[in-house]
Amino acid sequence: MGVIVEFLAVPAGTLNATQPDVRKAATAAGARSLSAISINSRAVGDVFDALAGSILDGIVGDDSAPERSVLVDAADVVLLSTLANDLRNRQPADEAFRSFADTLLDVVSAASRSTSRRDVLVIST
């Protein structure tokens, strides 16, 4: 089974990623979509292995939870660029890593264009 990872911009300081129904709370806080990516079932394990221990470690898991999330503080959004570079340099090179890296760079670019500080909520389903 594949995974969809969504990236939402939310006003800085308005959410706690561990609160119940974080998606509903994000919507109420005025979240806007930055990007999303679908990871096919063949690549999920490899991508999650690459994300383990990173700033996105909170979305890594198995099928025991239907949805996982992590909130990246506005001050830490730049770390997503570092993660993207790490994914691009992984060996052996893989299309799933490149696609995820491209998505992360799109998210950083979109988040940096905002006129106000925005945290990034990342949800995997």
PDB file of N, CA and C in Angstrom:
ATOM      1  N   MET A   1       0.834  -1.173   0.000  1.00  0.00           N
ATOM      2  CA  MET A   1       0.000   0.000   0.000  1.00  0.00           C
ATOM      3  C   MET A   1       0.883   1.242   0.000  1.00  0.00           C
ATOM      4  N   GLY A   2       0.593   2.187  -0.861  1.00  0.00           N
ATOM      5  CA  GLY A   2       1.357   3.421  -0.950  1.00  0.00           C
ATOM      6  C   GLY A   2       0.983   4.402   0.144  1.00  0.00           C
ATOM      7  N   VAL A   3       1.680   5.522   0.137  1.00  0.00           N
ATOM      8  CA  VAL A   3       1.480   6.561   1.142  1.00  0.00           C
ATOM      9  C   VAL A   3       1.373   7.907   0.434  1.00  0.00           C
ATOM     10  N   ILE A   4       0.494   8.751   0.925  1.00  0.00           N
ATOM     11  CA  ILE A   4       0.411  10.130   0.451  1.00  0.00           C
ATOM     12  C   ILE A   4       0.955  11.018   1.556  1.00  0.00           C
ATOM     13  N   VAL A   5       1.865  11.907   1.190  1.00  0.00           N
ATOM     14  CA  VAL A   5       2.431  12.858   2.141  1.00  0.00           C
ATOM     15  C   VAL A   5       2.000  14.254   1.704  1.00  0.00           C
ATOM     16  N   GLU A   6       1.325  14.947   2.617  1.00  0.00           N
ATOM     17  CA  GLU A   6       0.836  16.296   2.349  1.00  0.00           C
ATOM     18  C   GLU A   6       1.632  17.309   3.170  1.00  0.00           C
ATOM     19  N   PHE A   7       1.847  18.467   2.584  1.00  0.00           N
ATOM     20  CA  PHE A   7       2.568  19.550   3.242  1.00  0.00           C
ATOM     21  C   PHE A   7       1.639  20.760   3.285  1.00  0.00           C
ATOM     22  N   LEU A   8       1.334  21.224   4.507  1.00  0.00           N
ATOM     23  CA  LEU A   8       0.411  22.339   4.699  1.00  0.00           C
ATOM     24  C   LEU A   8       1.101  23.473   5.440  1.00  0.00           C
ATOM     25  N   ALA A   9       0.890  24.688   4.983  1.00  0.00           N
ATOM     26  CA  ALA A   9       1.392  25.861   5.704  1.00  0.00           C
ATOM     27  C   ALA A   9       0.339  26.291   6.713  1.00  0.00           C
ATOM     28  N   VAL A  10       0.770  26.501   7.948  1.00  0.00           N
ATOM     29  CA  VAL A  10      -0.136  26.954   9.002  1.00  0.00           C
ATOM     30  C   VAL A  10       0.515  28.136   9.714  1.00  0.00           C
ATOM     31  N   PRO A  11      -0.297  29.068  10.199  1.00  0.00           N
ATOM     32  CA  PRO A  11       0.287  30.195  10.921  1.00  0.00           C
ATOM     33  C   PRO A  11       1.187  29.696  12.059  1.00  0.00           C
ATOM     34  N   ALA A  12       2.355  30.287  12.165  1.00  0.00           N
ATOM     35  CA  ALA A  12       3.347  29.853  13.151  1.00  0.00           C
ATOM     36  C   ALA A  12       2.761  29.855  14.564  1.00  0.00           C
ATOM     37  N   GLY A  13       3.031  28.779  15.281  1.00  0.00           N
ATOM     38  CA  GLY A  13       2.637  28.678  16.681  1.00  0.00           C
ATOM     39  C   GLY A  13       1.189  28.328  16.946  1.00  0.00           C
ATOM     40  N   THR A  14       0.405  28.015  15.912  1.00  0.00           N
ATOM     41  CA  THR A  14      -1.023  27.757  16.135  1.00  0.00           C
ATOM     42  C   THR A  14      -1.354  26.294  16.371  1.00  0.00           C
ATOM     43  N   LEU A  15      -0.428  25.384  16.074  1.00  0.00           N
ATOM     44  CA  LEU A  15      -0.729  23.956  16.186  1.00  0.00           C
ATOM     45  C   LEU A  15       0.278  23.222  17.038  1.00  0.00           C
ATOM     46  N   ASN A  16      -0.176  22.078  17.509  1.00  0.00           N
ATOM     47  CA  ASN A  16       0.676  21.091  18.147  1.00  0.00           C
ATOM     48  C   ASN A  16       0.423  19.807  17.368  1.00  0.00           C
ATOM     49  N   ALA A  17       1.440  19.251  16.741  1.00  0.00           N
ATOM     50  CA  ALA A  17       1.252  18.095  15.857  1.00  0.00           C
ATOM     51  C   ALA A  17       0.703  16.874  16.577  1.00  0.00           C
ATOM     52  N   THR A  18       0.800  16.841  17.897  1.00  0.00           N
ATOM     53  CA  THR A  18       0.303  15.673  18.628  1.00  0.00           C
ATOM     54  C   THR A  18      -1.140  15.826  19.077  1.00  0.00           C
ATOM     55  N   GLN A  19      -1.742  16.972  18.816  1.00  0.00           N
ATOM     56  CA  GLN A  19      -3.135  17.142  19.240  1.00  0.00           C
ATOM     57  C   GLN A  19      -4.040  16.244  18.416  1.00  0.00           C
ATOM     58  N   PRO A  20      -5.154  15.852  18.991  1.00  0.00           N
ATOM     59  CA  PRO A  20      -6.088  14.995  18.247  1.00  0.00           C
ATOM     60  C   PRO A  20      -6.614  15.726  17.017  1.00  0.00           C
ATOM     61  N   ASP A  21      -6.808  14.972  15.964  1.00  0.00           N
ATOM     62  CA  ASP A  21      -7.356  15.492  14.706  1.00  0.00           C
ATOM     63  C   ASP A  21      -6.634  16.753  14.253  1.00  0.00           C
ATOM     64  N   VAL A  22      -5.331  16.614  14.054  1.00  0.00           N
ATOM     65  CA  VAL A  22      -4.492  17.744  13.679  1.00  0.00           C
ATOM     66  C   VAL A  22      -4.910  18.336  12.330  1.00  0.00           C
ATOM     67  N   ARG A  23      -5.423  17.506  11.431  1.00  0.00           N
ATOM     68  CA  ARG A  23      -5.870  18.014  10.131  1.00  0.00           C
ATOM     69  C   ARG A  23      -7.033  19.009  10.310  1.00  0.00           C
ATOM     70  N   LYS A  24      -7.980  18.649  11.154  1.00  0.00           N
ATOM     71  CA  LYS A  24      -9.134  19.524  11.414  1.00  0.00           C
ATOM     72  C   LYS A  24      -8.663  20.824  12.064  1.00  0.00           C
ATOM     73  N   ALA A  25      -7.739  20.713  13.012  1.00  0.00           N
ATOM     74  CA  ALA A  25      -7.207  21.904  13.682  1.00  0.00           C
ATOM     75  C   ALA A  25      -6.447  22.786  12.689  1.00  0.00           C
ATOM     76  N   ALA A  26      -5.723  22.159  11.772  1.00  0.00           N
ATOM     77  CA  ALA A  26      -4.989  22.926  10.756  1.00  0.00           C
ATOM     78  C   ALA A  26      -5.951  23.680   9.850  1.00  0.00           C
ATOM     79  N   THR A  27      -7.015  23.018   9.450  1.00  0.00           N
ATOM     80  CA  THR A  27      -8.023  23.665   8.605  1.00  0.00           C
ATOM     81  C   THR A  27      -8.641  24.859   9.332  1.00  0.00           C
ATOM     82  N   ALA A  28      -8.967  24.672  10.590  1.00  0.00           N
ATOM     83  CA  ALA A  28      -9.552  25.753  11.387  1.00  0.00           C
ATOM     84  C   ALA A  28      -8.578  26.921  11.561  1.00  0.00           C
ATOM     85  N   ALA A  29      -7.279  26.613  11.555  1.00  0.00           N
ATOM     86  CA  ALA A  29      -6.261  27.653  11.721  1.00  0.00           C
ATOM     87  C   ALA A  29      -5.936  28.368  10.410  1.00  0.00           C
ATOM     88  N   GLY A  30      -6.555  27.935   9.318  1.00  0.00           N
ATOM     89  CA  GLY A  30      -6.317  28.579   8.033  1.00  0.00           C
ATOM     90  C   GLY A  30      -5.189  27.969   7.228  1.00  0.00           C
ATOM     91  N   ALA A  31      -4.976  26.675   7.370  1.00  0.00           N
ATOM     92  CA  ALA A  31      -3.914  25.995   6.626  1.00  0.00           C
ATOM     93  C   ALA A  31      -4.141  26.121   5.125  1.00  0.00           C
ATOM     94  N   ARG A  32      -3.025  26.156   4.400  1.00  0.00           N
ATOM     95  CA  ARG A  32      -3.119  26.110   2.948  1.00  0.00           C
ATOM     96  C   ARG A  32      -2.131  25.064   2.442  1.00  0.00           C
ATOM     97  N   SER A  33      -2.524  24.397   1.397  1.00  0.00           N
ATOM     98  CA  SER A  33      -1.697  23.334   0.835  1.00  0.00           C
ATOM     99  C   SER A  33      -0.466  23.909   0.143  1.00  0.00           C
ATOM    100  N   LEU A  34       0.689  23.317   0.444  1.00  0.00           N
ATOM    101  CA  LEU A  34       1.930  23.690  -0.231  1.00  0.00           C
ATOM    102  C   LEU A  34       2.268  22.694  -1.324  1.00  0.00           C
ATOM    103  N   SER A  35       2.069  21.408  -1.017  1.00  0.00           N
ATOM    104  CA  SER A  35       2.397  20.356  -1.966  1.00  0.00           C
ATOM    105  C   SER A  35       1.942  19.021  -1.396  1.00  0.00           C
ATOM    106  N   ALA A  36       1.993  18.015  -2.241  1.00  0.00           N
ATOM    107  CA  ALA A  36       1.700  16.639  -1.817  1.00  0.00           C
ATOM    108  C   ALA A  36       2.454  15.702  -2.751  1.00  0.00           C
ATOM    109  N   ILE A  37       2.747  14.528  -2.255  1.00  0.00           N
ATOM    110  CA  ILE A  37       3.413  13.519  -3.066  1.00  0.00           C
ATOM    111  C   ILE A  37       2.853  12.148  -2.699  1.00  0.00           C
ATOM    112  N   SER A  38       2.727  11.321  -3.702  1.00  0.00           N
ATOM    113  CA  SER A  38       2.301   9.940  -3.499  1.00  0.00           C
ATOM    114  C   SER A  38       3.534   9.053  -3.658  1.00  0.00           C
ATOM    115  N   ILE A  39       3.748   8.204  -2.674  1.00  0.00           N
ATOM    116  CA  ILE A  39       4.885   7.271  -2.724  1.00  0.00           C
ATOM    117  C   ILE A  39       4.312   5.885  -2.929  1.00  0.00           C
ATOM    118  N   ASN A  40       4.722   5.221  -3.994  1.00  0.00           N
ATOM    119  CA  ASN A  40       4.148   3.905  -4.280  1.00  0.00           C
ATOM    120  C   ASN A  40       4.634   2.867  -3.276  1.00  0.00           C
ATOM    121  N   SER A  41       3.908   1.787  -3.212  1.00  0.00           N
ATOM    122  CA  SER A  41       4.170   0.757  -2.205  1.00  0.00           C
ATOM    123  C   SER A  41       5.575   0.167  -2.317  1.00  0.00           C
ATOM    124  N   ARG A  42       6.110   0.129  -3.504  1.00  0.00           N
ATOM    125  CA  ARG A  42       7.454  -0.421  -3.707  1.00  0.00           C
ATOM    126  C   ARG A  42       8.516   0.461  -3.054  1.00  0.00           C
ATOM    127  N   ALA A  43       8.289   1.771  -3.009  1.00  0.00           N
ATOM    128  CA  ALA A  43       9.298   2.711  -2.533  1.00  0.00           C
ATOM    129  C   ALA A  43       9.093   3.197  -1.104  1.00  0.00           C
ATOM    130  N   VAL A  44       7.936   2.935  -0.505  1.00  0.00           N
ATOM    131  CA  VAL A  44       7.636   3.466   0.825  1.00  0.00           C
ATOM    132  C   VAL A  44       8.705   3.089   1.845  1.00  0.00           C
ATOM    133  N   GLY A  45       9.078   1.839   1.900  1.00  0.00           N
ATOM    134  CA  GLY A  45      10.067   1.395   2.880  1.00  0.00           C
ATOM    135  C   GLY A  45      11.394   2.110   2.725  1.00  0.00           C
ATOM    136  N   ASP A  46      11.859   2.254   1.488  1.00  0.00           N
ATOM    137  CA  ASP A  46      13.138   2.937   1.242  1.00  0.00           C
ATOM    138  C   ASP A  46      13.068   4.415   1.618  1.00  0.00           C
ATOM    139  N   VAL A  47      11.980   5.075   1.239  1.00  0.00           N
ATOM    140  CA  VAL A  47      11.841   6.497   1.558  1.00  0.00           C
ATOM    141  C   VAL A  47      11.730   6.683   3.075  1.00  0.00           C
ATOM    142  N   PHE A  48      10.918   5.876   3.731  1.00  0.00           N
ATOM    143  CA  PHE A  48      10.791   5.991   5.182  1.00  0.00           C
ATOM    144  C   PHE A  48      12.114   5.688   5.883  1.00  0.00           C
ATOM    145  N   ASP A  49      12.871   4.719   5.384  1.00  0.00           N
ATOM    146  CA  ASP A  49      14.195   4.448   5.964  1.00  0.00           C
ATOM    147  C   ASP A  49      15.084   5.686   5.859  1.00  0.00           C
ATOM    148  N   ALA A  50      15.003   6.372   4.716  1.00  0.00           N
ATOM    149  CA  ALA A  50      15.813   7.573   4.506  1.00  0.00           C
ATOM    150  C   ALA A  50      15.365   8.720   5.413  1.00  0.00           C
ATOM    151  N   LEU A  51      14.082   8.757   5.747  1.00  0.00           N
ATOM    152  CA  LEU A  51      13.558   9.841   6.597  1.00  0.00           C
ATOM    153  C   LEU A  51      13.743   9.571   8.092  1.00  0.00           C
ATOM    154  N   ALA A  52      13.948   8.316   8.458  1.00  0.00           N
ATOM    155  CA  ALA A  52      14.125   7.954   9.865  1.00  0.00           C
ATOM    156  C   ALA A  52      15.299   8.737  10.455  1.00  0.00           C
ATOM    157  N   GLY A  53      15.069   9.344  11.594  1.00  0.00           N
ATOM    158  CA  GLY A  53      16.103  10.121  12.263  1.00  0.00           C
ATOM    159  C   GLY A  53      16.226  11.545  11.746  1.00  0.00           C
ATOM    160  N   SER A  54      15.444  11.899  10.734  1.00  0.00           N
ATOM    161  CA  SER A  54      15.488  13.256  10.183  1.00  0.00           C
ATOM    162  C   SER A  54      14.418  14.122  10.843  1.00  0.00           C
ATOM    163  N   ILE A  55      14.301  15.338  10.386  1.00  0.00           N
ATOM    164  CA  ILE A  55      13.275  16.256  10.884  1.00  0.00           C
ATOM    165  C   ILE A  55      11.869  15.730  10.591  1.00  0.00           C
ATOM    166  N   LEU A  56      11.739  14.813   9.612  1.00  0.00           N
ATOM    167  CA  LEU A  56      10.437  14.232   9.262  1.00  0.00           C
ATOM    168  C   LEU A  56      10.236  12.841   9.851  1.00  0.00           C
ATOM    169  N   ASP A  57      11.017  12.491  10.833  1.00  0.00           N
ATOM    170  CA  ASP A  57      10.920  11.172  11.465  1.00  0.00           C
ATOM    171  C   ASP A  57       9.506  10.855  11.955  1.00  0.00           C
ATOM    172  N   GLY A  58       8.750  11.861  12.316  1.00  0.00           N
ATOM    173  CA  GLY A  58       7.404  11.663  12.857  1.00  0.00           C
ATOM    174  C   GLY A  58       6.406  11.066  11.883  1.00  0.00           C
ATOM    175  N   ILE A  59       6.683  11.137  10.581  1.00  0.00           N
ATOM    176  CA  ILE A  59       5.750  10.537   9.620  1.00  0.00           C
ATOM    177  C   ILE A  59       6.126   9.105   9.275  1.00  0.00           C
ATOM    178  N   VAL A  60       7.280   8.663   9.766  1.00  0.00           N
ATOM    179  CA  VAL A  60       7.742   7.303   9.487  1.00  0.00           C
ATOM    180  C   VAL A  60       6.997   6.328  10.379  1.00  0.00           C
ATOM    181  N   GLY A  61       6.509   5.254   9.801  1.00  0.00           N
ATOM    182  CA  GLY A  61       5.828   4.258  10.604  1.00  0.00           C
ATOM    183  C   GLY A  61       5.354   3.100   9.763  1.00  0.00           C
ATOM    184  N   ASP A  62       4.520   2.314  10.372  1.00  0.00           N
ATOM    185  CA  ASP A  62       3.950   1.172   9.676  1.00  0.00           C
ATOM    186  C   ASP A  62       2.447   1.402   9.550  1.00  0.00           C
ATOM    187  N   ASP A  63       1.718   0.363   9.261  1.00  0.00           N
ATOM    188  CA  ASP A  63       0.273   0.500   9.064  1.00  0.00           C
ATOM    189  C   ASP A  63      -0.524   0.564  10.366  1.00  0.00           C
ATOM    190  N   SER A  64       0.157   0.683  11.514  1.00  0.00           N
ATOM    191  CA  SER A  64      -0.563   0.669  12.788  1.00  0.00           C
ATOM    192  C   SER A  64      -1.342   1.954  13.043  1.00  0.00           C
ATOM    193  N   ALA A  65      -0.983   3.033  12.364  1.00  0.00           N
ATOM    194  CA  ALA A  65      -1.717   4.297  12.507  1.00  0.00           C
ATOM    195  C   ALA A  65      -2.117   4.777  11.116  1.00  0.00           C
ATOM    196  N   PRO A  66      -3.372   5.133  10.933  1.00  0.00           N
ATOM    197  CA  PRO A  66      -3.822   5.543   9.605  1.00  0.00           C
ATOM    198  C   PRO A  66      -3.236   6.880   9.156  1.00  0.00           C
ATOM    199  N   GLU A  67      -2.776   7.690  10.110  1.00  0.00           N
ATOM    200  CA  GLU A  67      -2.257   9.012   9.773  1.00  0.00           C
ATOM    201  C   GLU A  67      -1.176   9.382  10.777  1.00  0.00           C
ATOM    202  N   ARG A  68      -0.086   9.914  10.284  1.00  0.00           N
ATOM    203  CA  ARG A  68       1.005  10.391  11.141  1.00  0.00           C
ATOM    204  C   ARG A  68       1.353  11.800  10.716  1.00  0.00           C
ATOM    205  N   SER A  69       1.794  12.610  11.670  1.00  0.00           N
ATOM    206  CA  SER A  69       2.121  13.982  11.314  1.00  0.00           C
ATOM    207  C   SER A  69       3.323  14.487  12.099  1.00  0.00           C
ATOM    208  N   VAL A  70       3.930  15.515  11.553  1.00  0.00           N
ATOM    209  CA  VAL A  70       5.017  16.224  12.221  1.00  0.00           C
ATOM    210  C   VAL A  70       4.863  17.702  11.856  1.00  0.00           C
ATOM    211  N   LEU A  71       5.145  18.556  12.809  1.00  0.00           N
ATOM    212  CA  LEU A  71       5.062  19.985  12.589  1.00  0.00           C
ATOM    213  C   LEU A  71       6.479  20.543  12.537  1.00  0.00           C
ATOM    214  N   VAL A  72       6.821  21.141  11.408  1.00  0.00           N
ATOM    215  CA  VAL A  72       8.138  21.751  11.244  1.00  0.00           C
ATOM    216  C   VAL A  72       7.988  23.236  11.554  1.00  0.00           C
ATOM    217  N   ASP A  73       8.657  23.674  12.599  1.00  0.00           N
ATOM    218  CA  ASP A  73       8.610  25.070  13.011  1.00  0.00           C
ATOM    219  C   ASP A  73       9.119  25.964  11.878  1.00  0.00           C
ATOM    220  N   ALA A  74       8.532  27.139  11.750  1.00  0.00           N
ATOM    221  CA  ALA A  74       8.911  28.070  10.683  1.00  0.00           C
ATOM    222  C   ALA A  74      10.423  28.303  10.647  1.00  0.00           C
ATOM    223  N   ALA A  75      11.060  28.368  11.804  1.00  0.00           N
ATOM    224  CA  ALA A  75      12.504  28.595  11.860  1.00  0.00           C
ATOM    225  C   ALA A  75      13.306  27.401  11.342  1.00  0.00           C
ATOM    226  N   ASP A  76      12.679  26.234  11.296  1.00  0.00           N
ATOM    227  CA  ASP A  76      13.371  25.013  10.875  1.00  0.00           C
ATOM    228  C   ASP A  76      13.045  24.576   9.454  1.00  0.00           C
ATOM    229  N   VAL A  77      12.209  25.331   8.745  1.00  0.00           N
ATOM    230  CA  VAL A  77      11.813  24.932   7.388  1.00  0.00           C
ATOM    231  C   VAL A  77      13.031  24.778   6.479  1.00  0.00           C
ATOM    232  N   VAL A  78      14.049  25.588   6.698  1.00  0.00           N
ATOM    233  CA  VAL A  78      15.260  25.497   5.882  1.00  0.00           C
ATOM    234  C   VAL A  78      15.912  24.106   5.992  1.00  0.00           C
ATOM    235  N   LEU A  79      15.691  23.410   7.102  1.00  0.00           N
ATOM    236  CA  LEU A  79      16.250  22.069   7.266  1.00  0.00           C
ATOM    237  C   LEU A  79      15.668  21.082   6.252  1.00  0.00           C
ATOM    238  N   LEU A  80      14.498  21.402   5.710  1.00  0.00           N
ATOM    239  CA  LEU A  80      13.923  20.544   4.666  1.00  0.00           C
ATOM    240  C   LEU A  80      14.787  20.581   3.409  1.00  0.00           C
ATOM    241  N   SER A  81      15.448  21.708   3.154  1.00  0.00           N
ATOM    242  CA  SER A  81      16.370  21.800   2.014  1.00  0.00           C
ATOM    243  C   SER A  81      17.570  20.884   2.223  1.00  0.00           C
ATOM    244  N   THR A  82      18.073  20.865   3.431  1.00  0.00           N
ATOM    245  CA  THR A  82      19.193  19.984   3.750  1.00  0.00           C
ATOM    246  C   THR A  82      18.792  18.526   3.558  1.00  0.00           C
ATOM    247  N   LEU A  83      17.603  18.183   4.019  1.00  0.00           N
ATOM    248  CA  LEU A  83      17.102  16.820   3.843  1.00  0.00           C
ATOM    249  C   LEU A  83      16.960  16.496   2.355  1.00  0.00           C
ATOM    250  N   ALA A  84      16.461  17.448   1.575  1.00  0.00           N
ATOM    251  CA  ALA A  84      16.320  17.237   0.122  1.00  0.00           C
ATOM    252  C   ALA A  84      17.674  16.943  -0.513  1.00  0.00           C
ATOM    253  N   ASN A  85      18.690  17.708  -0.124  1.00  0.00           N
ATOM    254  CA  ASN A  85      20.032  17.471  -0.671  1.00  0.00           C
ATOM    255  C   ASN A  85      20.550  16.097  -0.277  1.00  0.00           C
ATOM    256  N   ASP A  86      20.301  15.699   0.959  1.00  0.00           N
ATOM    257  CA  ASP A  86      20.714  14.366   1.411  1.00  0.00           C
ATOM    258  C   ASP A  86      20.035  13.277   0.581  1.00  0.00           C
ATOM    259  N   LEU A  87      18.745  13.446   0.300  1.00  0.00           N
ATOM    260  CA  LEU A  87      18.017  12.450  -0.490  1.00  0.00           C
ATOM    261  C   LEU A  87      18.557  12.377  -1.918  1.00  0.00           C
ATOM    262  N   ARG A  88      18.891  13.512  -2.488  1.00  0.00           N
ATOM    263  CA  ARG A  88      19.432  13.532  -3.859  1.00  0.00           C
ATOM    264  C   ARG A  88      20.784  12.844  -3.942  1.00  0.00           C
ATOM    265  N   ASN A  89      21.539  12.870  -2.846  1.00  0.00           N
ATOM    266  CA  ASN A  89      22.886  12.291  -2.852  1.00  0.00           C
ATOM    267  C   ASN A  89      22.932  10.845  -2.382  1.00  0.00           C
ATOM    268  N   ARG A  90      21.791  10.271  -2.039  1.00  0.00           N
ATOM    269  CA  ARG A  90      21.773   8.872  -1.579  1.00  0.00           C
ATOM    270  C   ARG A  90      22.189   7.943  -2.703  1.00  0.00           C
ATOM    271  N   GLN A  91      22.894   6.927  -2.324  1.00  0.00           N
ATOM    272  CA  GLN A  91      23.312   5.910  -3.294  1.00  0.00           C
ATOM    273  C   GLN A  91      22.766   4.564  -2.862  1.00  0.00           C
ATOM    274  N   PRO A  92      22.253   3.760  -3.736  1.00  0.00           N
ATOM    275  CA  PRO A  92      22.118   4.076  -5.162  1.00  0.00           C
ATOM    276  C   PRO A  92      20.996   5.094  -5.379  1.00  0.00           C
ATOM    277  N   ALA A  93      21.169   5.904  -6.412  1.00  0.00           N
ATOM    278  CA  ALA A  93      20.180   6.929  -6.748  1.00  0.00           C
ATOM    279  C   ALA A  93      18.850   6.250  -7.070  1.00  0.00           C
ATOM    280  N   ASP A  94      17.771   6.904  -6.706  1.00  0.00           N
ATOM    281  CA  ASP A  94      16.448   6.312  -6.902  1.00  0.00           C
ATOM    282  C   ASP A  94      15.463   7.416  -7.256  1.00  0.00           C
ATOM    283  N   GLU A  95      14.550   7.139  -8.160  1.00  0.00           N
ATOM    284  CA  GLU A  95      13.549   8.112  -8.582  1.00  0.00           C
ATOM    285  C   GLU A  95      12.668   8.565  -7.414  1.00  0.00           C
ATOM    286  N   ALA A  96      12.350   7.659  -6.501  1.00  0.00           N
ATOM    287  CA  ALA A  96      11.512   8.024  -5.351  1.00  0.00           C
ATOM    288  C   ALA A  96      12.211   9.070  -4.484  1.00  0.00           C
ATOM    289  N   PHE A  97      13.512   8.925  -4.281  1.00  0.00           N
ATOM    290  CA  PHE A  97      14.262   9.910  -3.495  1.00  0.00           C
ATOM    291  C   PHE A  97      14.290  11.254  -4.209  1.00  0.00           C
ATOM    292  N   ARG A  98      14.538  11.230  -5.512  1.00  0.00           N
ATOM    293  CA  ARG A  98      14.577  12.480  -6.279  1.00  0.00           C
ATOM    294  C   ARG A  98      13.222  13.180  -6.256  1.00  0.00           C
ATOM    295  N   SER A  99      12.144  12.422  -6.409  1.00  0.00           N
ATOM    296  CA  SER A  99      10.805  13.012  -6.393  1.00  0.00           C
ATOM    297  C   SER A  99      10.493  13.625  -5.036  1.00  0.00           C
ATOM    298  N   PHE A 100      10.840  12.918  -3.963  1.00  0.00           N
ATOM    299  CA  PHE A 100      10.585  13.445  -2.626  1.00  0.00           C
ATOM    300  C   PHE A 100      11.438  14.688  -2.392  1.00  0.00           C
ATOM    301  N   ALA A 101      12.694  14.652  -2.835  1.00  0.00           N
ATOM    302  CA  ALA A 101      13.579  15.818  -2.697  1.00  0.00           C
ATOM    303  C   ALA A 101      13.009  17.016  -3.446  1.00  0.00           C
ATOM    304  N   ASP A 102      12.523  16.805  -4.669  1.00  0.00           N
ATOM    305  CA  ASP A 102      11.923  17.898  -5.439  1.00  0.00           C
ATOM    306  C   ASP A 102      10.720  18.483  -4.717  1.00  0.00           C
ATOM    307  N   THR A 103       9.909  17.620  -4.125  1.00  0.00           N
ATOM    308  CA  THR A 103       8.741  18.085  -3.377  1.00  0.00           C
ATOM    309  C   THR A 103       9.171  18.923  -2.180  1.00  0.00           C
ATOM    310  N   LEU A 104      10.192  18.469  -1.459  1.00  0.00           N
ATOM    311  CA  LEU A 104      10.685  19.237  -0.308  1.00  0.00           C
ATOM    312  C   LEU A 104      11.174  20.617  -0.736  1.00  0.00           C
ATOM    313  N   LEU A 105      11.885  20.686  -1.844  1.00  0.00           N
ATOM    314  CA  LEU A 105      12.377  21.979  -2.323  1.00  0.00           C
ATOM    315  C   LEU A 105      11.223  22.891  -2.738  1.00  0.00           C
ATOM    316  N   ASP A 106      10.184  22.318  -3.339  1.00  0.00           N
ATOM    317  CA  ASP A 106       8.980  23.090  -3.670  1.00  0.00           C
ATOM    318  C   ASP A 106       8.320  23.647  -2.407  1.00  0.00           C
ATOM    319  N   VAL A 107       8.273  22.824  -1.362  1.00  0.00           N
ATOM    320  CA  VAL A 107       7.669  23.239  -0.088  1.00  0.00           C
ATOM    321  C   VAL A 107       8.458  24.393   0.523  1.00  0.00           C
ATOM    322  N   VAL A 108       9.772  24.271   0.542  1.00  0.00           N
ATOM    323  CA  VAL A 108      10.612  25.327   1.105  1.00  0.00           C
ATOM    324  C   VAL A 108      10.425  26.621   0.315  1.00  0.00           C
ATOM    325  N   SER A 109      10.392  26.511  -0.994  1.00  0.00           N
ATOM    326  CA  SER A 109      10.205  27.683  -1.851  1.00  0.00           C
ATOM    327  C   SER A 109       8.847  28.337  -1.587  1.00  0.00           C
ATOM    328  N   ALA A 110       7.800  27.540  -1.532  1.00  0.00           N
ATOM    329  CA  ALA A 110       6.453  28.072  -1.291  1.00  0.00           C
ATOM    330  C   ALA A 110       6.348  28.692   0.100  1.00  0.00           C
ATOM    331  N   ALA A 111       6.935  28.040   1.081  1.00  0.00           N
ATOM    332  CA  ALA A 111       6.869  28.552   2.453  1.00  0.00           C
ATOM    333  C   ALA A 111       7.651  29.861   2.584  1.00  0.00           C
ATOM    334  N   SER A 112       8.734  29.989   1.853  1.00  0.00           N
ATOM    335  CA  SER A 112       9.551  31.198   1.962  1.00  0.00           C
ATOM    336  C   SER A 112       8.906  32.398   1.272  1.00  0.00           C
ATOM    337  N   ARG A 113       7.975  32.150   0.362  1.00  0.00           N
ATOM    338  CA  ARG A 113       7.276  33.247  -0.324  1.00  0.00           C
ATOM    339  C   ARG A 113       6.172  33.859   0.532  1.00  0.00           C
ATOM    340  N   SER A 114       5.831  33.210   1.617  1.00  0.00           N
ATOM    341  CA  SER A 114       4.759  33.709   2.478  1.00  0.00           C
ATOM    342  C   SER A 114       5.176  35.022   3.138  1.00  0.00           C
ATOM    343  N   THR A 115       4.237  35.924   3.276  1.00  0.00           N
ATOM    344  CA  THR A 115       4.537  37.213   3.896  1.00  0.00           C
ATOM    345  C   THR A 115       4.548  37.133   5.425  1.00  0.00           C
ATOM    346  N   SER A 116       4.037  36.049   5.973  1.00  0.00           N
ATOM    347  CA  SER A 116       4.064  35.874   7.426  1.00  0.00           C
ATOM    348  C   SER A 116       4.699  34.528   7.753  1.00  0.00           C
ATOM    349  N   ARG A 117       5.191  34.415   8.970  1.00  0.00           N
ATOM    350  CA  ARG A 117       5.833  33.162   9.383  1.00  0.00           C
ATOM    351  C   ARG A 117       4.832  32.027   9.358  1.00  0.00           C
ATOM    352  N   ARG A 118       5.228  30.935   8.744  1.00  0.00           N
ATOM    353  CA  ARG A 118       4.358  29.770   8.636  1.00  0.00           C
ATOM    354  C   ARG A 118       5.137  28.525   9.055  1.00  0.00           C
ATOM    355  N   ASP A 119       4.497  27.715   9.909  1.00  0.00           N
ATOM    356  CA  ASP A 119       5.006  26.385  10.192  1.00  0.00           C
ATOM    357  C   ASP A 119       4.546  25.490   9.042  1.00  0.00           C
ATOM    358  N   VAL A 120       5.201  24.343   8.904  1.00  0.00           N
ATOM    359  CA  VAL A 120       4.785  23.379   7.880  1.00  0.00           C
ATOM    360  C   VAL A 120       4.326  22.105   8.581  1.00  0.00           C
ATOM    361  N   LEU A 121       3.073  21.767   8.375  1.00  0.00           N
ATOM    362  CA  LEU A 121       2.518  20.530   8.898  1.00  0.00           C
ATOM    363  C   LEU A 121       2.651  19.467   7.810  1.00  0.00           C
ATOM    364  N   VAL A 122       3.268  18.356   8.173  1.00  0.00           N
ATOM    365  CA  VAL A 122       3.474  17.253   7.225  1.00  0.00           C
ATOM    366  C   VAL A 122       2.651  16.076   7.717  1.00  0.00           C
ATOM    367  N   ILE A 123       1.774  15.586   6.849  1.00  0.00           N
ATOM    368  CA  ILE A 123       0.867  14.485   7.216  1.00  0.00           C
ATOM    369  C   ILE A 123       1.033  13.356   6.228  1.00  0.00           C
ATOM    370  N   SER A 124       1.242  12.147   6.751  1.00  0.00           N
ATOM    371  CA  SER A 124       1.294  10.975   5.873  1.00  0.00           C
ATOM    372  C   SER A 124       0.064  10.111   6.152  1.00  0.00           C
ATOM    373  N   THR A 125      -0.553   9.664   5.076  1.00  0.00           N
ATOM    374  CA  THR A 125      -1.721   8.790   5.198  1.00  0.00           C
ATOM    375  C   THR A 125      -1.571   7.603   4.276  1.00  0.00           C
TER     376      THR A 125
END
